[in-house]
Amino acid sequence: MAGRFATMRDIIMAVAMGIAIGVLIPAGVESFEDGGALWILELIIFPLFALAGIVSLLLKHRKRAPAESRHPNSQEADQATNQPR
């Protein structure tokens, strides 16, 4: 059950970081064209942090996925033993 909530949290975080990248890049371009002082933060720094967050979530999921495939659910194990041969 805890794994299910962690997966949902990771999905929500990945979507939020993707939205942040999608919003910050155009805002940074607009700030750069207008001559604003914060364009470097909006165009380079914050999107890099969001991208690093997405990569860390993917690496965490990649480590967790093989571990979950090695430990089948107890219901699946019970069903496999009850099947006739």
PDB file of N, CA and C in Angstrom:
ATOM      1  N   MET A   1       0.820  -1.189   0.000  1.00  0.00           N
ATOM      2  CA  MET A   1       0.000   0.000   0.000  1.00  0.00           C
ATOM      3  C   MET A   1       0.860   1.247   0.000  1.00  0.00           C
ATOM      4  N   ALA A   2       1.938   1.249   0.761  1.00  0.00           N
ATOM      5  CA  ALA A   2       2.809   2.426   0.808  1.00  0.00           C
ATOM      6  C   ALA A   2       3.467   2.662  -0.543  1.00  0.00           C
ATOM      7  N   GLY A   3       3.770   1.608  -1.273  1.00  0.00           N
ATOM      8  CA  GLY A   3       4.366   1.752  -2.596  1.00  0.00           C
ATOM      9  C   GLY A   3       3.426   2.430  -3.577  1.00  0.00           C
ATOM     10  N   ARG A   4       2.135   2.194  -3.402  1.00  0.00           N
ATOM     11  CA  ARG A   4       1.147   2.805  -4.286  1.00  0.00           C
ATOM     12  C   ARG A   4       1.115   4.316  -4.087  1.00  0.00           C
ATOM     13  N   PHE A   5       1.185   4.776  -2.823  1.00  0.00           N
ATOM     14  CA  PHE A   5       1.182   6.214  -2.554  1.00  0.00           C
ATOM     15  C   PHE A   5       2.475   6.866  -3.012  1.00  0.00           C
ATOM     16  N   ALA A   6       3.602   6.158  -2.875  1.00  0.00           N
ATOM     17  CA  ALA A   6       4.879   6.704  -3.331  1.00  0.00           C
ATOM     18  C   ALA A   6       4.863   6.865  -4.841  1.00  0.00           C
ATOM     19  N   THR A   7       4.282   5.928  -5.557  1.00  0.00           N
ATOM     20  CA  THR A   7       4.197   6.024  -7.004  1.00  0.00           C
ATOM     21  C   THR A   7       3.310   7.191  -7.410  1.00  0.00           C
ATOM     22  N   MET A   8       2.201   7.373  -6.747  1.00  0.00           N
ATOM     23  CA  MET A   8       1.312   8.494  -7.066  1.00  0.00           C
ATOM     24  C   MET A   8       2.006   9.817  -6.772  1.00  0.00           C
ATOM     25  N   ARG A   9       2.726   9.883  -5.663  1.00  0.00           N
ATOM     26  CA  ARG A   9       3.473  11.097  -5.335  1.00  0.00           C
ATOM     27  C   ARG A   9       4.511  11.399  -6.404  1.00  0.00           C
ATOM     28  N   ASP A  10       5.202  10.358  -6.889  1.00  0.00           N
ATOM     29  CA  ASP A  10       6.204  10.551  -7.932  1.00  0.00           C
ATOM     30  C   ASP A  10       5.571  11.032  -9.230  1.00  0.00           C
ATOM     31  N   ILE A  11       4.418  10.513  -9.564  1.00  0.00           N
ATOM     32  CA  ILE A  11       3.721  10.948 -10.778  1.00  0.00           C
ATOM     33  C   ILE A  11       3.322  12.408 -10.659  1.00  0.00           C
ATOM     34  N   ILE A  12       2.781  12.785  -9.516  1.00  0.00           N
ATOM     35  CA  ILE A  12       2.367  14.178  -9.315  1.00  0.00           C
ATOM     36  C   ILE A  12       3.579  15.103  -9.360  1.00  0.00           C
ATOM     37  N   MET A  13       4.681  14.702  -8.748  1.00  0.00           N
ATOM     38  CA  MET A  13       5.891  15.519  -8.774  1.00  0.00           C
ATOM     39  C   MET A  13       6.441  15.657 -10.190  1.00  0.00           C
ATOM     40  N   ALA A  14       6.427  14.586 -10.973  1.00  0.00           N
ATOM     41  CA  ALA A  14       6.924  14.653 -12.343  1.00  0.00           C
ATOM     42  C   ALA A  14       6.057  15.580 -13.189  1.00  0.00           C
ATOM     43  N   VAL A  15       4.737  15.510 -13.006  1.00  0.00           N
ATOM     44  CA  VAL A  15       3.841  16.404 -13.755  1.00  0.00           C
ATOM     45  C   VAL A  15       4.083  17.852 -13.337  1.00  0.00           C
ATOM     46  N   ALA A  16       4.225  18.096 -12.050  1.00  0.00           N
ATOM     47  CA  ALA A  16       4.465  19.466 -11.570  1.00  0.00           C
ATOM     48  C   ALA A  16       5.779  20.021 -12.117  1.00  0.00           C
ATOM     49  N   MET A  17       6.813  19.196 -12.147  1.00  0.00           N
ATOM     50  CA  MET A  17       8.095  19.656 -12.681  1.00  0.00           C
ATOM     51  C   MET A  17       8.027  19.884 -14.182  1.00  0.00           C
ATOM     52  N   GLY A  18       7.283  19.045 -14.876  1.00  0.00           N
ATOM     53  CA  GLY A  18       7.094  19.264 -16.309  1.00  0.00           C
ATOM     54  C   GLY A  18       6.340  20.551 -16.604  1.00  0.00           C
ATOM     55  N   ILE A  19       5.332  20.827 -15.811  1.00  0.00           N
ATOM     56  CA  ILE A  19       4.588  22.085 -15.970  1.00  0.00           C
ATOM     57  C   ILE A  19       5.495  23.271 -15.669  1.00  0.00           C
ATOM     58  N   ALA A  20       6.333  23.140 -14.647  1.00  0.00           N
ATOM     59  CA  ALA A  20       7.271  24.224 -14.312  1.00  0.00           C
ATOM     60  C   ALA A  20       8.207  24.508 -15.476  1.00  0.00           C
ATOM     61  N   ILE A  21       8.719  23.468 -16.105  1.00  0.00           N
ATOM     62  CA  ILE A  21       9.591  23.665 -17.268  1.00  0.00           C
ATOM     63  C   ILE A  21       8.805  24.335 -18.394  1.00  0.00           C
ATOM     64  N   GLY A  22       7.580  23.879 -18.611  1.00  0.00           N
ATOM     65  CA  GLY A  22       6.754  24.436 -19.674  1.00  0.00           C
ATOM     66  C   GLY A  22       6.367  25.888 -19.456  1.00  0.00           C
ATOM     67  N   VAL A  23       6.315  26.326 -18.225  1.00  0.00           N
ATOM     68  CA  VAL A  23       5.958  27.714 -17.923  1.00  0.00           C
ATOM     69  C   VAL A  23       7.202  28.599 -17.870  1.00  0.00           C
ATOM     70  N   LEU A  24       8.283  28.088 -17.306  1.00  0.00           N
ATOM     71  CA  LEU A  24       9.474  28.908 -17.101  1.00  0.00           C
ATOM     72  C   LEU A  24      10.219  29.230 -18.393  1.00  0.00           C
ATOM     73  N   ILE A  25      10.280  28.314 -19.321  1.00  0.00           N
ATOM     74  CA  ILE A  25      11.008  28.567 -20.569  1.00  0.00           C
ATOM     75  C   ILE A  25      10.390  29.741 -21.334  1.00  0.00           C
ATOM     76  N   PRO A  26       9.081  29.737 -21.625  1.00  0.00           N
ATOM     77  CA  PRO A  26       8.515  30.905 -22.323  1.00  0.00           C
ATOM     78  C   PRO A  26       8.613  32.203 -21.509  1.00  0.00           C
ATOM     79  N   ALA A  27       8.482  32.106 -20.190  1.00  0.00           N
ATOM     80  CA  ALA A  27       8.615  33.303 -19.358  1.00  0.00           C
ATOM     81  C   ALA A  27      10.046  33.839 -19.419  1.00  0.00           C
ATOM     82  N   GLY A  28      11.020  32.965 -19.444  1.00  0.00           N
ATOM     83  CA  GLY A  28      12.407  33.387 -19.555  1.00  0.00           C
ATOM     84  C   GLY A  28      12.714  34.024 -20.889  1.00  0.00           C
ATOM     85  N   VAL A  29      12.146  33.467 -21.959  1.00  0.00           N
ATOM     86  CA  VAL A  29      12.341  34.059 -23.291  1.00  0.00           C
ATOM     87  C   VAL A  29      11.721  35.449 -23.339  1.00  0.00           C
ATOM     88  N   GLU A  30      10.536  35.585 -22.793  1.00  0.00           N
ATOM     89  CA  GLU A  30       9.871  36.891 -22.778  1.00  0.00           C
ATOM     90  C   GLU A  30      10.663  37.893 -21.941  1.00  0.00           C
ATOM     91  N   SER A  31      11.179  37.455 -20.801  1.00  0.00           N
ATOM     92  CA  SER A  31      11.970  38.336 -19.950  1.00  0.00           C
ATOM     93  C   SER A  31      13.271  38.739 -20.650  1.00  0.00           C
ATOM     94  N   PHE A  32      13.876  37.808 -21.376  1.00  0.00           N
ATOM     95  CA  PHE A  32      15.103  38.106 -22.114  1.00  0.00           C
ATOM     96  C   PHE A  32      14.849  39.143 -23.200  1.00  0.00           C
ATOM     97  N   GLU A  33      13.738  38.975 -23.921  1.00  0.00           N
ATOM     98  CA  GLU A  33      13.401  39.929 -24.989  1.00  0.00           C
ATOM     99  C   GLU A  33      13.064  41.306 -24.440  1.00  0.00           C
ATOM    100  N   ASP A  34      12.484  41.357 -23.239  1.00  0.00           N
ATOM    101  CA  ASP A  34      12.134  42.639 -22.627  1.00  0.00           C
ATOM    102  C   ASP A  34      13.316  43.284 -21.902  1.00  0.00           C
ATOM    103  N   GLY A  35      14.417  42.564 -21.749  1.00  0.00           N
ATOM    104  CA  GLY A  35      15.583  43.108 -21.071  1.00  0.00           C
ATOM    105  C   GLY A  35      15.514  42.998 -19.567  1.00  0.00           C
ATOM    106  N   GLY A  36      14.724  42.070 -19.054  1.00  0.00           N
ATOM    107  CA  GLY A  36      14.607  41.886 -17.609  1.00  0.00           C
ATOM    108  C   GLY A  36      15.869  41.291 -17.006  1.00  0.00           C
ATOM    109  N   ALA A  37      16.037  41.482 -15.722  1.00  0.00           N
ATOM    110  CA  ALA A  37      17.239  41.013 -15.036  1.00  0.00           C
ATOM    111  C   ALA A  37      17.139  39.550 -14.593  1.00  0.00           C
ATOM    112  N   LEU A  38      15.950  38.994 -14.485  1.00  0.00           N
ATOM    113  CA  LEU A  38      15.780  37.627 -13.968  1.00  0.00           C
ATOM    114  C   LEU A  38      15.685  36.566 -15.059  1.00  0.00           C
ATOM    115  N   TRP A  39      16.001  36.919 -16.288  1.00  0.00           N
ATOM    116  CA  TRP A  39      15.829  35.957 -17.374  1.00  0.00           C
ATOM    117  C   TRP A  39      16.716  34.739 -17.200  1.00  0.00           C
ATOM    118  N   ILE A  40      17.910  34.909 -16.628  1.00  0.00           N
ATOM    119  CA  ILE A  40      18.805  33.766 -16.459  1.00  0.00           C
ATOM    120  C   ILE A  40      18.226  32.746 -15.484  1.00  0.00           C
ATOM    121  N   LEU A  41      17.525  33.225 -14.459  1.00  0.00           N
ATOM    122  CA  LEU A  41      16.883  32.297 -13.525  1.00  0.00           C
ATOM    123  C   LEU A  41      15.744  31.544 -14.192  1.00  0.00           C
ATOM    124  N   GLU A  42      14.899  32.286 -14.934  1.00  0.00           N
ATOM    125  CA  GLU A  42      13.722  31.669 -15.542  1.00  0.00           C
ATOM    126  C   GLU A  42      14.056  30.807 -16.756  1.00  0.00           C
ATOM    127  N   LEU A  43      15.134  31.130 -17.437  1.00  0.00           N
ATOM    128  CA  LEU A  43      15.449  30.418 -18.676  1.00  0.00           C
ATOM    129  C   LEU A  43      16.442  29.279 -18.476  1.00  0.00           C
ATOM    130  N   ILE A  44      17.305  29.389 -17.467  1.00  0.00           N
ATOM    131  CA  ILE A  44      18.360  28.387 -17.316  1.00  0.00           C
ATOM    132  C   ILE A  44      18.312  27.687 -15.961  1.00  0.00           C
ATOM    133  N   ILE A  45      18.362  28.435 -14.873  1.00  0.00           N
ATOM    134  CA  ILE A  45      18.559  27.847 -13.543  1.00  0.00           C
ATOM    135  C   ILE A  45      17.352  27.019 -13.089  1.00  0.00           C
ATOM    136  N   PHE A  46      16.162  27.622 -13.037  1.00  0.00           N
ATOM    137  CA  PHE A  46      14.981  26.899 -12.546  1.00  0.00           C
ATOM    138  C   PHE A  46      14.609  25.696 -13.427  1.00  0.00           C
ATOM    139  N   PRO A  47      14.651  25.815 -14.768  1.00  0.00           N
ATOM    140  CA  PRO A  47      14.380  24.614 -15.565  1.00  0.00           C
ATOM    141  C   PRO A  47      15.400  23.499 -15.341  1.00  0.00           C
ATOM    142  N   LEU A  48      16.659  23.848 -15.095  1.00  0.00           N
ATOM    143  CA  LEU A  48      17.654  22.808 -14.805  1.00  0.00           C
ATOM    144  C   LEU A  48      17.347  22.090 -13.495  1.00  0.00           C
ATOM    145  N   PHE A  49      16.902  22.838 -12.485  1.00  0.00           N
ATOM    146  CA  PHE A  49      16.505  22.194 -11.231  1.00  0.00           C
ATOM    147  C   PHE A  49      15.304  21.278 -11.440  1.00  0.00           C
ATOM    148  N   ALA A  50      14.344  21.701 -12.224  1.00  0.00           N
ATOM    149  CA  ALA A  50      13.171  20.860 -12.493  1.00  0.00           C
ATOM    150  C   ALA A  50      13.575  19.614 -13.274  1.00  0.00           C
ATOM    151  N   LEU A  51      14.468  19.775 -14.239  1.00  0.00           N
ATOM    152  CA  LEU A  51      14.941  18.630 -15.017  1.00  0.00           C
ATOM    153  C   LEU A  51      15.723  17.660 -14.135  1.00  0.00           C
ATOM    154  N   ALA A  52      16.533  18.185 -13.230  1.00  0.00           N
ATOM    155  CA  ALA A  52      17.263  17.322 -12.292  1.00  0.00           C
ATOM    156  C   ALA A  52      16.288  16.561 -11.386  1.00  0.00           C
ATOM    157  N   GLY A  53      15.194  17.203 -10.993  1.00  0.00           N
ATOM    158  CA  GLY A  53      14.183  16.518 -10.187  1.00  0.00           C
ATOM    159  C   GLY A  53      13.512  15.385 -10.940  1.00  0.00           C
ATOM    160  N   ILE A  54      13.210  15.609 -12.211  1.00  0.00           N
ATOM    161  CA  ILE A  54      12.603  14.556 -13.026  1.00  0.00           C
ATOM    162  C   ILE A  54      13.570  13.385 -13.189  1.00  0.00           C
ATOM    163  N   VAL A  55      14.841  13.680 -13.442  1.00  0.00           N
ATOM    164  CA  VAL A  55      15.843  12.619 -13.590  1.00  0.00           C
ATOM    165  C   VAL A  55      15.983  11.823 -12.290  1.00  0.00           C
ATOM    166  N   SER A  56      15.972  12.507 -11.145  1.00  0.00           N
ATOM    167  CA  SER A  56      16.074  11.784  -9.879  1.00  0.00           C
ATOM    168  C   SER A  56      14.860  10.889  -9.643  1.00  0.00           C
ATOM    169  N   LEU A  57      13.677  11.363 -10.030  1.00  0.00           N
ATOM    170  CA  LEU A  57      12.483  10.507  -9.909  1.00  0.00           C
ATOM    171  C   LEU A  57      12.585   9.292 -10.814  1.00  0.00           C
ATOM    172  N   LEU A  58      13.085   9.478 -12.024  1.00  0.00           N
ATOM    173  CA  LEU A  58      13.242   8.350 -12.943  1.00  0.00           C
ATOM    174  C   LEU A  58      14.254   7.338 -12.421  1.00  0.00           C
ATOM    175  N   LEU A  59      15.360   7.819 -11.866  1.00  0.00           N
ATOM    176  CA  LEU A  59      16.355   6.903 -11.310  1.00  0.00           C
ATOM    177  C   LEU A  59      15.803   6.139 -10.118  1.00  0.00           C
ATOM    178  N   LYS A  60      15.034   6.825  -9.262  1.00  0.00           N
ATOM    179  CA  LYS A  60      14.418   6.165  -8.107  1.00  0.00           C
ATOM    180  C   LYS A  60      13.425   5.100  -8.572  1.00  0.00           C
ATOM    181  N   HIS A  61      12.648   5.419  -9.590  1.00  0.00           N
ATOM    182  CA  HIS A  61      11.689   4.450 -10.119  1.00  0.00           C
ATOM    183  C   HIS A  61      12.410   3.268 -10.753  1.00  0.00           C
ATOM    184  N   ARG A  62      13.509   3.542 -11.432  1.00  0.00           N
ATOM    185  CA  ARG A  62      14.263   2.468 -12.081  1.00  0.00           C
ATOM    186  C   ARG A  62      14.841   1.511 -11.049  1.00  0.00           C
ATOM    187  N   LYS A  63      15.294   2.029  -9.902  1.00  0.00           N
ATOM    188  CA  LYS A  63      15.802   1.165  -8.840  1.00  0.00           C
ATOM    189  C   LYS A  63      14.679   0.354  -8.204  1.00  0.00           C
ATOM    190  N   ARG A  64      13.498   0.975  -8.059  1.00  0.00           N
ATOM    191  CA  ARG A  64      12.396   0.321  -7.370  1.00  0.00           C
ATOM    192  C   ARG A  64      11.705  -0.708  -8.263  1.00  0.00           C
ATOM    193  N   ALA A  65      11.644  -0.502  -9.550  1.00  0.00           N
ATOM    194  CA  ALA A  65      10.899  -1.394 -10.450  1.00  0.00           C
ATOM    195  C   ALA A  65      11.453  -2.815 -10.452  1.00  0.00           C
ATOM    196  N   PRO A  66      12.767  -3.039 -10.594  1.00  0.00           N
ATOM    197  CA  PRO A  66      13.243  -4.422 -10.548  1.00  0.00           C
ATOM    198  C   PRO A  66      12.997  -5.079  -9.194  1.00  0.00           C
ATOM    199  N   ALA A  67      13.075  -4.326  -8.102  1.00  0.00           N
ATOM    200  CA  ALA A  67      12.830  -4.902  -6.781  1.00  0.00           C
ATOM    201  C   ALA A  67      11.382  -5.355  -6.654  1.00  0.00           C
ATOM    202  N   GLU A  68      10.455  -4.593  -7.201  1.00  0.00           N
ATOM    203  CA  GLU A  68       9.045  -4.979  -7.132  1.00  0.00           C
ATOM    204  C   GLU A  68       8.759  -6.189  -8.015  1.00  0.00           C
ATOM    205  N   SER A  69       9.469  -6.333  -9.124  1.00  0.00           N
ATOM    206  CA  SER A  69       9.223  -7.478  -9.993  1.00  0.00           C
ATOM    207  C   SER A  69       9.768  -8.767  -9.383  1.00  0.00           C
ATOM    208  N   ARG A  70      10.739  -8.674  -8.496  1.00  0.00           N
ATOM    209  CA  ARG A  70      11.269  -9.861  -7.829  1.00  0.00           C
ATOM    210  C   ARG A  70      10.387 -10.349  -6.698  1.00  0.00           C
ATOM    211  N   HIS A  71       9.536  -9.472  -6.168  1.00  0.00           N
ATOM    212  CA  HIS A  71       8.661  -9.815  -5.048  1.00  0.00           C
ATOM    213  C   HIS A  71       7.208  -9.706  -5.503  1.00  0.00           C
ATOM    214  N   PRO A  72       6.655 -10.799  -6.010  1.00  0.00           N
ATOM    215  CA  PRO A  72       5.267 -10.711  -6.484  1.00  0.00           C
ATOM    216  C   PRO A  72       4.295 -10.493  -5.330  1.00  0.00           C
ATOM    217  N   ASN A  73       3.132  -9.974  -5.663  1.00  0.00           N
ATOM    218  CA  ASN A  73       2.084  -9.770  -4.649  1.00  0.00           C
ATOM    219  C   ASN A  73       1.662 -11.101  -4.075  1.00  0.00           C
ATOM    220  N   SER A  74       1.241 -11.097  -2.844  1.00  0.00           N
ATOM    221  CA  SER A  74       0.844 -12.340  -2.193  1.00  0.00           C
ATOM    222  C   SER A  74      -0.388 -12.938  -2.860  1.00  0.00           C
ATOM    223  N   GLN A  75      -1.275 -12.102  -3.388  1.00  0.00           N
ATOM    224  CA  GLN A  75      -2.469 -12.608  -4.070  1.00  0.00           C
ATOM    225  C   GLN A  75      -2.073 -13.356  -5.338  1.00  0.00           C
ATOM    226  N   GLU A  76      -1.121 -12.833  -6.086  1.00  0.00           N
ATOM    227  CA  GLU A  76      -0.683 -13.514  -7.298  1.00  0.00           C
ATOM    228  C   GLU A  76      -0.023 -14.837  -6.971  1.00  0.00           C
ATOM    229  N   ALA A  77       0.733 -14.889  -5.891  1.00  0.00           N
ATOM    230  CA  ALA A  77       1.384 -16.132  -5.482  1.00  0.00           C
ATOM    231  C   ALA A  77       0.345 -17.165  -5.064  1.00  0.00           C
ATOM    232  N   ASP A  78      -0.712 -16.744  -4.346  1.00  0.00           N
ATOM    233  CA  ASP A  78      -1.775 -17.665  -3.945  1.00  0.00           C
ATOM    234  C   ASP A  78      -2.531 -18.191  -5.150  1.00  0.00           C
ATOM    235  N   GLN A  79      -2.800 -17.352  -6.114  1.00  0.00           N
ATOM    236  CA  GLN A  79      -3.504 -17.788  -7.314  1.00  0.00           C
ATOM    237  C   GLN A  79      -2.671 -18.782  -8.114  1.00  0.00           C
ATOM    238  N   ALA A  80      -1.367 -18.573  -8.167  1.00  0.00           N
ATOM    239  CA  ALA A  80      -0.501 -19.464  -8.920  1.00  0.00           C
ATOM    240  C   ALA A  80      -0.467 -20.849  -8.271  1.00  0.00           C
ATOM    241  N   THR A  81      -0.530 -20.946  -6.948  1.00  0.00           N
ATOM    242  CA  THR A  81      -0.486 -22.250  -6.298  1.00  0.00           C
ATOM    243  C   THR A  81      -1.826 -22.974  -6.359  1.00  0.00           C
ATOM    244  N   ASN A  82      -2.935 -22.264  -6.537  1.00  0.00           N
ATOM    245  CA  ASN A  82      -4.253 -22.884  -6.575  1.00  0.00           C
ATOM    246  C   ASN A  82      -4.636 -23.367  -7.964  1.00  0.00           C
ATOM    247  N   GLN A  83      -3.869 -23.043  -8.984  1.00  0.00           N
ATOM    248  CA  GLN A  83      -4.222 -23.464 -10.329  1.00  0.00           C
ATOM    249  C   GLN A  83      -3.933 -24.956 -10.516  1.00  0.00           C
ATOM    250  N   PRO A  84      -4.862 -25.690 -11.182  1.00  0.00           N
ATOM    251  CA  PRO A  84      -4.610 -27.115 -11.417  1.00  0.00           C
ATOM    252  C   PRO A  84      -3.541 -27.297 -12.487  1.00  0.00           C
ATOM    253  N   ARG A  85      -2.855 -28.417 -12.402  1.00  0.00           N
ATOM    254  CA  ARG A  85      -1.795 -28.709 -13.389  1.00  0.00           C
ATOM    255  C   ARG A  85      -2.263 -29.659 -14.412  1.00  0.00           C
TER     256      ARG A  85
END
